[in-house]
Every structure is written in structure tokens, then in C-alpha cells.
């Protein structure tokens, strides 16, 4: 890799994991090479947008809790393989930095890659190459591109499992999913009709909104802001909060941390999973930012 541009710094973080700090003109981010995991994004005009658990483990073979894990090439439990790691192998393997560049306007862009050879070194066989481009400015843009470099068509799932920091999840309202049906994972993936109004969180919530392609807004009155999640190349939005009991069962999740976060995940899962012929690629782009409530 060439010399890093001004504002970019590679250093050792918790657990000895290498991480890349990107200090751009209008925002800053931290990305761990473990999982190409965006762990921090802070626009310089506001509060940090992403949430990280204080109990997160930084251990080889374990996912980082919070930020933006990359779920790939499956989501949740792998069908027929109960011993496979939940949400795929991408978030528990080291990625490689391909390049870091400073762009017009003072933004910074970093490109990370997980090759089939790197996956094989971790014990996983795939014909898919994954690349994640992270661009930092006053907003954060993440683009996950998957290319089939194998010899046969391959089906996969993907998601950017974003954890957002909120003042109190019991007060937030999630807009943009009105009228869209969802799979309720808390009820054995029962199919539910969409709600007419914004989503509120008052219990364990784990919903996969299939056929959801639009922008989602998280309204947070406690911090007088809204987080805007715009996406392209995604037909699924997942909304998740473990609430009290499940949060207490998770060893890398603090007892009361459920109150300070909500996940709004952009991807292609369940009936929206993708199939790529050899030589073809697909891109999932998510842009997030925050603004004051009006």
C-alpha cells in the first residue's frame, strides 16, 4: 500500500486489531481491518452517529459489537449449517486495505477487500470477492461490491448491519417503512402486515422488511436530531433492538445498552437474496448522516 494521505492513520487498537482512522474535513471515522468494520463516524457538525458496545470483544474469530458489521455471504443462521458463524464470515476475518485517497472537498475514501483466497485461509470456501469502499465527509458513504470470480452462479445474502446511537430508543420513531410487510424473527419469522405509522420500539424487535428500497429516517427527540439512512441496491431493511432479556444474554452487550441504540440495516436477505453469474457484480450503497430536528 502506498503512503497514506493527510488525515489517514493506521494504528493498533483494542485486542491488537489494526484500525484505520480517517479524519476528513467535515467528519471522522474509524475502520478496523477485522471485518472491514466501521466502528465510529462523527460528523464535525454534530454528535457521533454510530453506537459501539462498551462490552464489545476484540478477539480473533469474534465479531465486533456495534458500528457497522458486514454480514456476508449469509444473514443470520446459515440454512443447514448450524455450526457456521451467524451472519457469515466477512465480519470475523481480516480484510486488506487496497488504497486510501483524499478526494475533492477534503473527503477521504478507503477501499478494503476480502478475496476468496483470504476467506480460504480462514476456513471458508467461496467464489465471491467482496470490496467495501468507505468515504468520509459530513456524511458517511459505504459501498459493498460483490463480484463472482468463480466458475458457477452463486447465491448470497448481504447487509450493512448499522448500529445507530440514540438518546433513548423508547422515544425514537423510525420513518420510511410505513405500509411495508415484514418477517418477524421474534415470532419464528411470521409474516406481518406493515404498520401505517412510524415504528416505535417498546420490546425486543427483529424485523426484516422485504421489498423496502427507500430512505429511512430515525427521529430522536432527546437529542433533537434525525439520522437519515439512504440506500441503493438494497431491497431489505432490518430493524433490530434486543431489549432487556436478550441483551442480558449477550456476553458482548451491556445490561442497559439496549436503550442507547437501534439497528437499521440495509441489505438483501431472505427472498431478496442475490444470485450472481460468473464475472458479474452487484453493489450495495448506504449513505448516512444527521441533521437537527425541525
C-alpha atoms as a PDB file:
ATOM      1  CA  UNK A   1       0.000   0.000   0.000  1.00  0.00           C
ATOM      2  CA  UNK A   2       1.234   3.489  -0.829  1.00  0.00           C
ATOM      3  CA  UNK A   3       1.875   6.213   1.738  1.00  0.00           C
ATOM      4  CA  UNK A   4      -1.369   7.268   3.435  1.00  0.00           C
ATOM      5  CA  UNK A   5      -2.711  10.749   2.632  1.00  0.00           C
ATOM      6  CA  UNK A   6      -3.016  13.512   5.225  1.00  0.00           C
ATOM      7  CA  UNK A   7      -5.772  12.716   7.696  1.00  0.00           C
ATOM      8  CA  UNK A   8      -5.411   8.938   7.423  1.00  0.00           C
ATOM      9  CA  UNK A   9      -3.592   6.957  10.110  1.00  0.00           C
ATOM     10  CA  UNK A  10      -3.100   3.202  10.611  1.00  0.00           C
ATOM     11  CA  UNK A  11      -2.624   2.128  14.215  1.00  0.00           C
ATOM     12  CA  UNK A  12      -3.151  -0.746  16.634  1.00  0.00           C
ATOM     13  CA  UNK A  13      -6.416  -0.745  18.585  1.00  0.00           C
ATOM     14  CA  UNK A  14      -8.024  -2.953  21.260  1.00  0.00           C
ATOM     15  CA  UNK A  15      -7.065  -6.611  21.051  1.00  0.00           C
ATOM     16  CA  UNK A  16      -4.160  -5.661  18.810  1.00  0.00           C
ATOM     17  CA  UNK A  17      -6.561  -5.179  15.886  1.00  0.00           C
ATOM     18  CA  UNK A  18      -5.277  -2.767  13.251  1.00  0.00           C
ATOM     19  CA  UNK A  19      -7.574   0.146  12.573  1.00  0.00           C
ATOM     20  CA  UNK A  20      -7.619   2.987  10.074  1.00  0.00           C
ATOM     21  CA  UNK A  21      -8.573   6.461  11.293  1.00  0.00           C
ATOM     22  CA  UNK A  22      -9.942   8.790   8.620  1.00  0.00           C
ATOM     23  CA  UNK A  23     -10.004  12.442   9.725  1.00  0.00           C
ATOM     24  CA  UNK A  24     -11.640  14.293   6.840  1.00  0.00           C
ATOM     25  CA  UNK A  25     -12.556  17.957   6.544  1.00  0.00           C
ATOM     26  CA  UNK A  26     -16.152  17.532   7.752  1.00  0.00           C
ATOM     27  CA  UNK A  27     -16.160  14.213   9.597  1.00  0.00           C
ATOM     28  CA  UNK A  28     -14.087  11.399  11.037  1.00  0.00           C
ATOM     29  CA  UNK A  29     -14.382   7.622  11.044  1.00  0.00           C
ATOM     30  CA  UNK A  30     -12.538   4.577  12.352  1.00  0.00           C
ATOM     31  CA  UNK A  31     -12.448   1.303  10.402  1.00  0.00           C
ATOM     32  CA  UNK A  32     -10.980  -1.930  11.777  1.00  0.00           C
ATOM     33  CA  UNK A  33      -9.370  -4.272   9.277  1.00  0.00           C
ATOM     34  CA  UNK A  34     -11.027  -7.078  11.245  1.00  0.00           C
ATOM     35  CA  UNK A  35     -14.264  -7.377   9.271  1.00  0.00           C
ATOM     36  CA  UNK A  36     -13.669  -4.027   7.476  1.00  0.00           C
ATOM     37  CA  UNK A  37     -15.696  -2.850  10.440  1.00  0.00           C
ATOM     38  CA  UNK A  38     -16.669   0.824  10.594  1.00  0.00           C
ATOM     39  CA  UNK A  39     -16.675   1.399  14.351  1.00  0.00           C
ATOM     40  CA  UNK A  40     -17.039   5.178  14.526  1.00  0.00           C
ATOM     41  CA  UNK A  41     -18.453   8.036  12.473  1.00  0.00           C
ATOM     42  CA  UNK A  42     -18.639  11.561  13.820  1.00  0.00           C
ATOM     43  CA  UNK A  43     -19.670  14.478  11.586  1.00  0.00           C
ATOM     44  CA  UNK A  44     -17.844  17.519  12.897  1.00  0.00           C
ATOM     45  CA  UNK A  45     -21.098  19.472  12.991  1.00  0.00           C
ATOM     46  CA  UNK A  46     -22.887  17.103  15.392  1.00  0.00           C
ATOM     47  CA  UNK A  47     -22.840  14.080  17.683  1.00  0.00           C
ATOM     48  CA  UNK A  48     -21.349  10.685  16.791  1.00  0.00           C
ATOM     49  CA  UNK A  49     -23.819   8.724  14.666  1.00  0.00           C
ATOM     50  CA  UNK A  50     -22.745   5.127  15.273  1.00  0.00           C
ATOM     51  CA  UNK A  51     -23.041   3.196  18.540  1.00  0.00           C
ATOM     52  CA  UNK A  52     -20.462   0.798  19.981  1.00  0.00           C
ATOM     53  CA  UNK A  53     -20.964  -1.522  22.945  1.00  0.00           C
ATOM     54  CA  UNK A  54     -18.629  -0.927  25.875  1.00  0.00           C
ATOM     55  CA  UNK A  55     -18.637  -4.707  26.324  1.00  0.00           C
ATOM     56  CA  UNK A  56     -17.559  -5.455  22.739  1.00  0.00           C
ATOM     57  CA  UNK A  57     -14.947  -8.179  22.396  1.00  0.00           C
ATOM     58  CA  UNK A  58     -11.927  -7.568  20.228  1.00  0.00           C
ATOM     59  CA  UNK A  59     -10.963 -11.200  19.715  1.00  0.00           C
ATOM     60  CA  UNK A  60      -9.857 -13.167  16.675  1.00  0.00           C
ATOM     61  CA  UNK A  61     -12.757 -15.105  15.191  1.00  0.00           C
ATOM     62  CA  UNK A  62     -15.359 -12.979  17.026  1.00  0.00           C
ATOM     63  CA  UNK A  63     -17.420 -10.105  15.626  1.00  0.00           C
ATOM     64  CA  UNK A  64     -17.139  -6.551  16.952  1.00  0.00           C
ATOM     65  CA  UNK A  65     -20.363  -5.417  18.639  1.00  0.00           C
ATOM     66  CA  UNK A  66     -21.688  -2.137  17.284  1.00  0.00           C
ATOM     67  CA  UNK A  67     -20.671   0.141  14.446  1.00  0.00           C
ATOM     68  CA  UNK A  68     -21.322  -1.414  11.032  1.00  0.00           C
ATOM     69  CA  UNK A  69     -20.590  -5.153  10.766  1.00  0.00           C
ATOM     70  CA  UNK A  70     -20.539  -6.539   7.212  1.00  0.00           C
ATOM     71  CA  UNK A  71     -22.916  -9.522   7.063  1.00  0.00           C
ATOM     72  CA  UNK A  72     -21.895 -11.726   4.134  1.00  0.00           C
ATOM     73  CA  UNK A  73     -22.392 -14.172   2.398  1.00  0.00           C
ATOM     74  CA  UNK A  74     -25.350 -15.183   4.542  1.00  0.00           C
ATOM     75  CA  UNK A  75     -27.551 -13.385   7.058  1.00  0.00           C
ATOM     76  CA  UNK A  76     -28.480 -14.844  10.430  1.00  0.00           C
ATOM     77  CA  UNK A  77     -28.043 -18.598  10.734  1.00  0.00           C
ATOM     78  CA  UNK A  78     -26.858 -20.442   7.649  1.00  0.00           C
ATOM     79  CA  UNK A  79     -29.522 -22.906   6.498  1.00  0.00           C
ATOM     80  CA  UNK A  80     -28.407 -26.499   7.013  1.00  0.00           C
ATOM     81  CA  UNK A  81     -25.175 -25.462   8.780  1.00  0.00           C
ATOM     82  CA  UNK A  82     -25.891 -24.781  12.469  1.00  0.00           C
ATOM     83  CA  UNK A  83     -22.165 -24.584  13.278  1.00  0.00           C
ATOM     84  CA  UNK A  84     -21.489 -21.850  10.725  1.00  0.00           C
ATOM     85  CA  UNK A  85     -20.870 -18.379  12.168  1.00  0.00           C
ATOM     86  CA  UNK A  86     -24.030 -16.232  12.315  1.00  0.00           C
ATOM     87  CA  UNK A  87     -24.191 -13.500   9.656  1.00  0.00           C
ATOM     88  CA  UNK A  88     -21.420 -15.069   7.578  1.00  0.00           C
ATOM     89  CA  UNK A  89     -17.645 -14.984   7.742  1.00  0.00           C
ATOM     90  CA  UNK A  90     -16.883 -11.490   6.429  1.00  0.00           C
ATOM     91  CA  UNK A  91     -17.227  -9.812   9.822  1.00  0.00           C
ATOM     92  CA  UNK A  92     -14.811 -12.198  11.578  1.00  0.00           C
ATOM     93  CA  UNK A  93     -11.953 -12.262   9.044  1.00  0.00           C
ATOM     94  CA  UNK A  94      -9.215  -9.696   8.347  1.00  0.00           C
ATOM     95  CA  UNK A  95      -9.646  -7.570   5.222  1.00  0.00           C
ATOM     96  CA  UNK A  96      -6.899  -5.844   3.251  1.00  0.00           C
ATOM     97  CA  UNK A  97      -6.558  -2.120   2.601  1.00  0.00           C
ATOM     98  CA  UNK A  98      -6.343  -1.648  -1.164  1.00  0.00           C
ATOM     99  CA  UNK A  99      -5.987   2.141  -1.225  1.00  0.00           C
ATOM    100  CA  UNK A 100      -6.729   5.340   0.687  1.00  0.00           C
ATOM    101  CA  UNK A 101      -7.260   8.597  -1.211  1.00  0.00           C
ATOM    102  CA  UNK A 102      -8.148  12.199  -0.427  1.00  0.00           C
ATOM    103  CA  UNK A 103     -10.878  13.487  -2.712  1.00  0.00           C
ATOM    104  CA  UNK A 104     -12.144  16.885  -3.796  1.00  0.00           C
ATOM    105  CA  UNK A 105     -13.662  18.884  -0.943  1.00  0.00           C
ATOM    106  CA  UNK A 106     -11.497  17.216   1.703  1.00  0.00           C
ATOM    107  CA  UNK A 107     -13.278  13.856   1.945  1.00  0.00           C
ATOM    108  CA  UNK A 108     -11.294  10.645   2.471  1.00  0.00           C
ATOM    109  CA  UNK A 109     -12.002   7.338   0.751  1.00  0.00           C
ATOM    110  CA  UNK A 110     -10.655   3.936   1.797  1.00  0.00           C
ATOM    111  CA  UNK A 111     -11.116   0.692  -0.113  1.00  0.00           C
ATOM    112  CA  UNK A 112     -10.969  -2.685   1.649  1.00  0.00           C
ATOM    113  CA  UNK A 113     -11.054  -6.154   0.098  1.00  0.00           C
ATOM    114  CA  UNK A 114     -11.793  -9.740   1.132  1.00  0.00           C
ATOM    115  CA  UNK A 115     -10.688 -12.187  -1.564  1.00  0.00           C
ATOM    116  CA  UNK A 116     -11.681 -15.848  -1.927  1.00  0.00           C
ATOM    117  CA  UNK A 117      -8.065 -16.700  -1.036  1.00  0.00           C
ATOM    118  CA  UNK A 118      -8.315 -14.728   2.216  1.00  0.00           C
ATOM    119  CA  UNK A 119     -11.619 -16.453   3.019  1.00  0.00           C
ATOM    120  CA  UNK A 120      -9.987 -19.833   2.352  1.00  0.00           C
ATOM    121  CA  UNK A 121      -7.200 -19.022   4.825  1.00  0.00           C
ATOM    122  CA  UNK A 122      -9.959 -18.501   7.380  1.00  0.00           C
ATOM    123  CA  UNK A 123     -11.506 -21.880   6.544  1.00  0.00           C
ATOM    124  CA  UNK A 124     -14.301 -20.762   4.197  1.00  0.00           C
ATOM    125  CA  UNK A 125     -14.770 -21.644   0.532  1.00  0.00           C
ATOM    126  CA  UNK A 126     -16.292 -19.058  -1.792  1.00  0.00           C
ATOM    127  CA  UNK A 127     -16.057 -17.832  -5.353  1.00  0.00           C
ATOM    128  CA  UNK A 128     -17.068 -14.318  -4.324  1.00  0.00           C
ATOM    129  CA  UNK A 129     -14.795 -11.322  -3.875  1.00  0.00           C
ATOM    130  CA  UNK A 130     -16.076  -8.574  -1.568  1.00  0.00           C
ATOM    131  CA  UNK A 131     -14.881  -4.961  -1.554  1.00  0.00           C
ATOM    132  CA  UNK A 132     -16.007  -2.200   0.798  1.00  0.00           C
ATOM    133  CA  UNK A 133     -15.423   1.450  -0.077  1.00  0.00           C
ATOM    134  CA  UNK A 134     -15.791   3.887   2.856  1.00  0.00           C
ATOM    135  CA  UNK A 135     -15.985   7.611   2.077  1.00  0.00           C
ATOM    136  CA  UNK A 136     -15.913  10.093   4.961  1.00  0.00           C
ATOM    137  CA  UNK A 137     -17.116  13.690   4.798  1.00  0.00           C
ATOM    138  CA  UNK A 138     -20.019  15.358   6.600  1.00  0.00           C
ATOM    139  CA  UNK A 139     -21.819  12.118   5.764  1.00  0.00           C
ATOM    140  CA  UNK A 140     -20.612   8.526   5.625  1.00  0.00           C
ATOM    141  CA  UNK A 141     -20.921   6.544   2.419  1.00  0.00           C
ATOM    142  CA  UNK A 142     -20.332   2.787   2.390  1.00  0.00           C
ATOM    143  CA  UNK A 143     -20.445   0.754  -0.816  1.00  0.00           C
ATOM    144  CA  UNK A 144     -20.213  -3.036  -0.654  1.00  0.00           C
ATOM    145  CA  UNK A 145     -19.439  -4.558  -4.049  1.00  0.00           C
ATOM    146  CA  UNK A 146     -19.559  -8.322  -4.548  1.00  0.00           C
ATOM    147  CA  UNK A 147     -18.054  -9.900  -7.658  1.00  0.00           C
ATOM    148  CA  UNK A 148     -18.359 -13.534  -8.716  1.00  0.00           C
ATOM    149  CA  UNK A 149     -14.828 -14.597  -9.641  1.00  0.00           C
ATOM    150  CA  UNK A 150     -15.697 -18.305  -9.600  1.00  0.00           C
ATOM    151  CA  UNK A 151     -16.939 -20.587 -12.337  1.00  0.00           C
ATOM    152  CA  UNK A 152     -20.578 -21.045 -11.310  1.00  0.00           C
ATOM    153  CA  UNK A 153     -23.561 -18.875 -10.411  1.00  0.00           C
ATOM    154  CA  UNK A 154     -23.644 -18.166  -6.684  1.00  0.00           C
ATOM    155  CA  UNK A 155     -26.459 -17.041  -4.394  1.00  0.00           C
ATOM    156  CA  UNK A 156     -25.720 -14.929  -1.312  1.00  0.00           C
ATOM    157  CA  UNK A 157     -27.171 -12.576   1.270  1.00  0.00           C
ATOM    158  CA  UNK A 158     -25.614  -9.326   2.464  1.00  0.00           C
ATOM    159  CA  UNK A 159     -26.237  -6.485   4.888  1.00  0.00           C
ATOM    160  CA  UNK A 160     -24.520  -3.473   6.396  1.00  0.00           C
ATOM    161  CA  UNK A 161     -25.663  -4.080   9.971  1.00  0.00           C
ATOM    162  CA  UNK A 162     -25.602  -0.440  11.162  1.00  0.00           C
ATOM    163  CA  UNK A 163     -25.981   0.355  14.881  1.00  0.00           C
ATOM    164  CA  UNK A 164     -27.105   3.944  15.493  1.00  0.00           C
ATOM    165  CA  UNK A 165     -26.584   5.932  18.670  1.00  0.00           C
ATOM    166  CA  UNK A 166     -29.775   7.381  20.163  1.00  0.00           C
ATOM    167  CA  UNK A 167     -30.663   9.204  23.371  1.00  0.00           C
ATOM    168  CA  UNK A 168     -33.346   6.680  24.371  1.00  0.00           C
ATOM    169  CA  UNK A 169     -34.696   4.028  22.000  1.00  0.00           C
ATOM    170  CA  UNK A 170     -38.065   4.174  23.746  1.00  0.00           C
ATOM    171  CA  UNK A 171     -38.543   7.705  22.385  1.00  0.00           C
ATOM    172  CA  UNK A 172     -37.325   7.309  18.796  1.00  0.00           C
ATOM    173  CA  UNK A 173     -39.538   6.944  15.745  1.00  0.00           C
ATOM    174  CA  UNK A 174     -38.381   5.214  12.577  1.00  0.00           C
ATOM    175  CA  UNK A 175     -39.889   6.653   9.397  1.00  0.00           C
ATOM    176  CA  UNK A 176     -39.895   5.309   5.856  1.00  0.00           C
ATOM    177  CA  UNK A 177     -41.196   1.755   6.293  1.00  0.00           C
ATOM    178  CA  UNK A 178     -44.893   2.557   6.582  1.00  0.00           C
ATOM    179  CA  UNK A 179     -47.118   0.049   4.808  1.00  0.00           C
ATOM    180  CA  UNK A 180     -44.317  -2.451   4.057  1.00  0.00           C
ATOM    181  CA  UNK A 181     -44.745  -6.029   5.267  1.00  0.00           C
ATOM    182  CA  UNK A 182     -42.033  -7.732   7.284  1.00  0.00           C
ATOM    183  CA  UNK A 183     -40.776 -11.036   8.648  1.00  0.00           C
ATOM    184  CA  UNK A 184     -40.927 -11.079  12.460  1.00  0.00           C
ATOM    185  CA  UNK A 185     -37.932 -13.050  13.715  1.00  0.00           C
ATOM    186  CA  UNK A 186     -39.206 -12.817  17.307  1.00  0.00           C
ATOM    187  CA  UNK A 187     -42.198 -14.919  16.158  1.00  0.00           C
ATOM    188  CA  UNK A 188     -40.484 -17.630  14.053  1.00  0.00           C
ATOM    189  CA  UNK A 189     -40.352 -15.324  11.009  1.00  0.00           C
ATOM    190  CA  UNK A 190     -44.115 -14.890  10.855  1.00  0.00           C
ATOM    191  CA  UNK A 191     -45.208 -12.594   8.052  1.00  0.00           C
ATOM    192  CA  UNK A 192     -46.709  -9.344   9.353  1.00  0.00           C
ATOM    193  CA  UNK A 193     -48.579  -6.580   7.603  1.00  0.00           C
ATOM    194  CA  UNK A 194     -46.871  -3.201   7.529  1.00  0.00           C
ATOM    195  CA  UNK A 195     -47.796  -0.532  10.038  1.00  0.00           C
ATOM    196  CA  UNK A 196     -49.498   2.665   8.951  1.00  0.00           C
ATOM    197  CA  UNK A 197     -47.311   4.945  11.059  1.00  0.00           C
ATOM    198  CA  UNK A 198     -43.663   5.187  12.059  1.00  0.00           C
ATOM    199  CA  UNK A 199     -42.051   2.339  14.004  1.00  0.00           C
ATOM    200  CA  UNK A 200     -41.617   2.682  17.765  1.00  0.00           C
ATOM    201  CA  UNK A 201     -39.570   0.321  19.957  1.00  0.00           C
ATOM    202  CA  UNK A 202     -41.083  -0.955  23.221  1.00  0.00           C
ATOM    203  CA  UNK A 203     -39.969  -4.620  23.271  1.00  0.00           C
ATOM    204  CA  UNK A 204     -37.489  -6.930  21.553  1.00  0.00           C
ATOM    205  CA  UNK A 205     -37.667  -6.052  17.864  1.00  0.00           C
ATOM    206  CA  UNK A 206     -36.241  -8.039  14.955  1.00  0.00           C
ATOM    207  CA  UNK A 207     -37.958  -7.303  11.651  1.00  0.00           C
ATOM    208  CA  UNK A 208     -36.857  -7.855   8.064  1.00  0.00           C
ATOM    209  CA  UNK A 209     -38.793  -5.540   5.756  1.00  0.00           C
ATOM    210  CA  UNK A 210     -38.554  -7.204   2.353  1.00  0.00           C
ATOM    211  CA  UNK A 211     -39.166  -5.089  -0.721  1.00  0.00           C
ATOM    212  CA  UNK A 212     -38.011  -1.985   1.180  1.00  0.00           C
ATOM    213  CA  UNK A 213     -35.868   0.152  -1.129  1.00  0.00           C
ATOM    214  CA  UNK A 214     -36.362   3.671   0.198  1.00  0.00           C
ATOM    215  CA  UNK A 215     -34.694   6.060   2.622  1.00  0.00           C
ATOM    216  CA  UNK A 216     -35.275   5.567   6.351  1.00  0.00           C
ATOM    217  CA  UNK A 217     -35.133   8.356   8.943  1.00  0.00           C
ATOM    218  CA  UNK A 218     -34.551   7.861  12.680  1.00  0.00           C
ATOM    219  CA  UNK A 219     -36.214  10.681  14.613  1.00  0.00           C
ATOM    220  CA  UNK A 220     -34.553  11.225  18.019  1.00  0.00           C
ATOM    221  CA  UNK A 221     -36.291  13.981  20.011  1.00  0.00           C
ATOM    222  CA  UNK A 222     -33.995  13.523  23.037  1.00  0.00           C
ATOM    223  CA  UNK A 223     -31.006  14.696  21.030  1.00  0.00           C
ATOM    224  CA  UNK A 224     -33.066  16.936  18.730  1.00  0.00           C
ATOM    225  CA  UNK A 225     -31.767  15.263  15.609  1.00  0.00           C
ATOM    226  CA  UNK A 226     -32.663  12.881  12.852  1.00  0.00           C
ATOM    227  CA  UNK A 227     -30.398  10.277  11.287  1.00  0.00           C
ATOM    228  CA  UNK A 228     -31.009   9.766   7.584  1.00  0.00           C
ATOM    229  CA  UNK A 229     -30.177   6.380   6.030  1.00  0.00           C
ATOM    230  CA  UNK A 230     -30.289   6.499   2.218  1.00  0.00           C
ATOM    231  CA  UNK A 231     -29.502   3.414   0.176  1.00  0.00           C
ATOM    232  CA  UNK A 232     -29.197   1.998  -3.312  1.00  0.00           C
ATOM    233  CA  UNK A 233     -29.016  -1.607  -4.494  1.00  0.00           C
ATOM    234  CA  UNK A 234     -30.852  -2.864  -1.402  1.00  0.00           C
ATOM    235  CA  UNK A 235     -34.334  -4.395  -1.195  1.00  0.00           C
ATOM    236  CA  UNK A 236     -34.334  -5.288   2.527  1.00  0.00           C
ATOM    237  CA  UNK A 237     -34.292  -3.114   5.643  1.00  0.00           C
ATOM    238  CA  UNK A 238     -33.888  -4.796   9.033  1.00  0.00           C
ATOM    239  CA  UNK A 239     -34.871  -3.055  12.286  1.00  0.00           C
ATOM    240  CA  UNK A 240     -33.404  -4.591  15.461  1.00  0.00           C
ATOM    241  CA  UNK A 241     -33.133  -3.966  19.171  1.00  0.00           C
ATOM    242  CA  UNK A 242     -32.555  -6.838  21.645  1.00  0.00           C
ATOM    243  CA  UNK A 243     -34.370  -5.117  24.526  1.00  0.00           C
ATOM    244  CA  UNK A 244     -33.778  -6.253  28.134  1.00  0.00           C
ATOM    245  CA  UNK A 245     -33.811 -10.061  28.329  1.00  0.00           C
ATOM    246  CA  UNK A 246     -31.942 -10.827  25.121  1.00  0.00           C
ATOM    247  CA  UNK A 247     -29.445  -8.054  25.761  1.00  0.00           C
ATOM    248  CA  UNK A 248     -28.627  -9.599  29.140  1.00  0.00           C
ATOM    249  CA  UNK A 249     -27.965 -12.954  27.449  1.00  0.00           C
ATOM    250  CA  UNK A 250     -25.359 -11.474  25.102  1.00  0.00           C
ATOM    251  CA  UNK A 251     -21.829 -11.531  26.582  1.00  0.00           C
ATOM    252  CA  UNK A 252     -20.667  -8.576  24.478  1.00  0.00           C
ATOM    253  CA  UNK A 253     -23.656  -6.336  25.212  1.00  0.00           C
ATOM    254  CA  UNK A 254     -24.049  -4.233  28.370  1.00  0.00           C
ATOM    255  CA  UNK A 255     -27.072  -4.711  30.619  1.00  0.00           C
ATOM    256  CA  UNK A 256     -28.777  -1.382  29.838  1.00  0.00           C
ATOM    257  CA  UNK A 257     -27.171  -0.646  26.483  1.00  0.00           C
ATOM    258  CA  UNK A 258     -30.341  -1.516  24.564  1.00  0.00           C
ATOM    259  CA  UNK A 259     -31.645   1.941  25.475  1.00  0.00           C
ATOM    260  CA  UNK A 260     -28.839   3.719  23.611  1.00  0.00           C
ATOM    261  CA  UNK A 261     -29.023   2.041  20.205  1.00  0.00           C
ATOM    262  CA  UNK A 262     -31.186   0.932  17.335  1.00  0.00           C
ATOM    263  CA  UNK A 263     -30.166  -1.017  14.270  1.00  0.00           C
ATOM    264  CA  UNK A 264     -31.470  -0.056  10.842  1.00  0.00           C
ATOM    265  CA  UNK A 265     -29.726  -2.434   8.450  1.00  0.00           C
ATOM    266  CA  UNK A 266     -29.612  -2.172   4.675  1.00  0.00           C
ATOM    267  CA  UNK A 267     -29.154  -5.311   2.612  1.00  0.00           C
ATOM    268  CA  UNK A 268     -30.555  -8.117   0.519  1.00  0.00           C
ATOM    269  CA  UNK A 269     -31.726 -11.056   2.604  1.00  0.00           C
ATOM    270  CA  UNK A 270     -34.412 -13.743   2.657  1.00  0.00           C
ATOM    271  CA  UNK A 271     -36.495 -13.512  -0.514  1.00  0.00           C
ATOM    272  CA  UNK A 272     -34.344 -10.573  -1.646  1.00  0.00           C
ATOM    273  CA  UNK A 273     -31.093 -12.592  -1.721  1.00  0.00           C
ATOM    274  CA  UNK A 274     -28.996 -12.183  -4.855  1.00  0.00           C
ATOM    275  CA  UNK A 275     -27.664 -14.605  -7.462  1.00  0.00           C
ATOM    276  CA  UNK A 276     -24.586 -13.641  -9.486  1.00  0.00           C
ATOM    277  CA  UNK A 277     -23.446 -15.425 -12.671  1.00  0.00           C
ATOM    278  CA  UNK A 278     -19.663 -15.763 -13.160  1.00  0.00           C
ATOM    279  CA  UNK A 279     -17.971 -12.459 -13.899  1.00  0.00           C
ATOM    280  CA  UNK A 280     -20.897 -10.324 -12.693  1.00  0.00           C
ATOM    281  CA  UNK A 281     -21.005  -7.955  -9.731  1.00  0.00           C
ATOM    282  CA  UNK A 282     -23.576  -6.225  -7.529  1.00  0.00           C
ATOM    283  CA  UNK A 283     -23.201  -3.068  -5.433  1.00  0.00           C
ATOM    284  CA  UNK A 284     -24.983  -2.047  -2.226  1.00  0.00           C
ATOM    285  CA  UNK A 285     -24.542   1.612  -1.248  1.00  0.00           C
ATOM    286  CA  UNK A 286     -25.598   3.224   2.030  1.00  0.00           C
ATOM    287  CA  UNK A 287     -25.167   6.919   2.831  1.00  0.00           C
ATOM    288  CA  UNK A 288     -25.895   8.141   6.335  1.00  0.00           C
ATOM    289  CA  UNK A 289     -25.859  11.495   8.004  1.00  0.00           C
ATOM    290  CA  UNK A 290     -27.607  13.539  10.668  1.00  0.00           C
ATOM    291  CA  UNK A 291     -29.427  16.843  10.854  1.00  0.00           C
ATOM    292  CA  UNK A 292     -31.285  18.856  13.530  1.00  0.00           C
ATOM    293  CA  UNK A 293     -34.963  18.190  14.044  1.00  0.00           C
ATOM    294  CA  UNK A 294     -37.203  20.956  12.782  1.00  0.00           C
END
